[in-house]
């Protein structure tokens, strides 16, 4: 019916940002494309939040990843998400704060966080 399936991948430096990782992802997605499933691949460079061991890949690594996927699946729509929310350690699925929230979080605040998470996941 003209619908597409979006696959979102958060890229982390040295963990899943290598060309071999891109080739493995393309191999995973290839059977779906052969069945006629229209895919969109959304590459999301990780937002650094100060957690040791997790870092944003270089722009060159992200582009190499994108090119490696395209070399195996040239008809695939591949987008690279522009990083935003770096100052607040916030991005879709990557919301973090610099200090622990107080235990006196109100139900309204909890609902707002859950709603934001649902909106990002769509």
Foldseek 3Di string as FASTA:
>chain_A
DPDAAEDEDEDWPPPQLALVNLLVVLVVCVVVVVVVHAYEYEYEFQQDPPDPPTDGDDPVSNVSSVVSSCVSVVVHHYHYDDDDDNVQQDDQVGGDHPDDDDPPDDPVNVVVVVVSNVVSVD
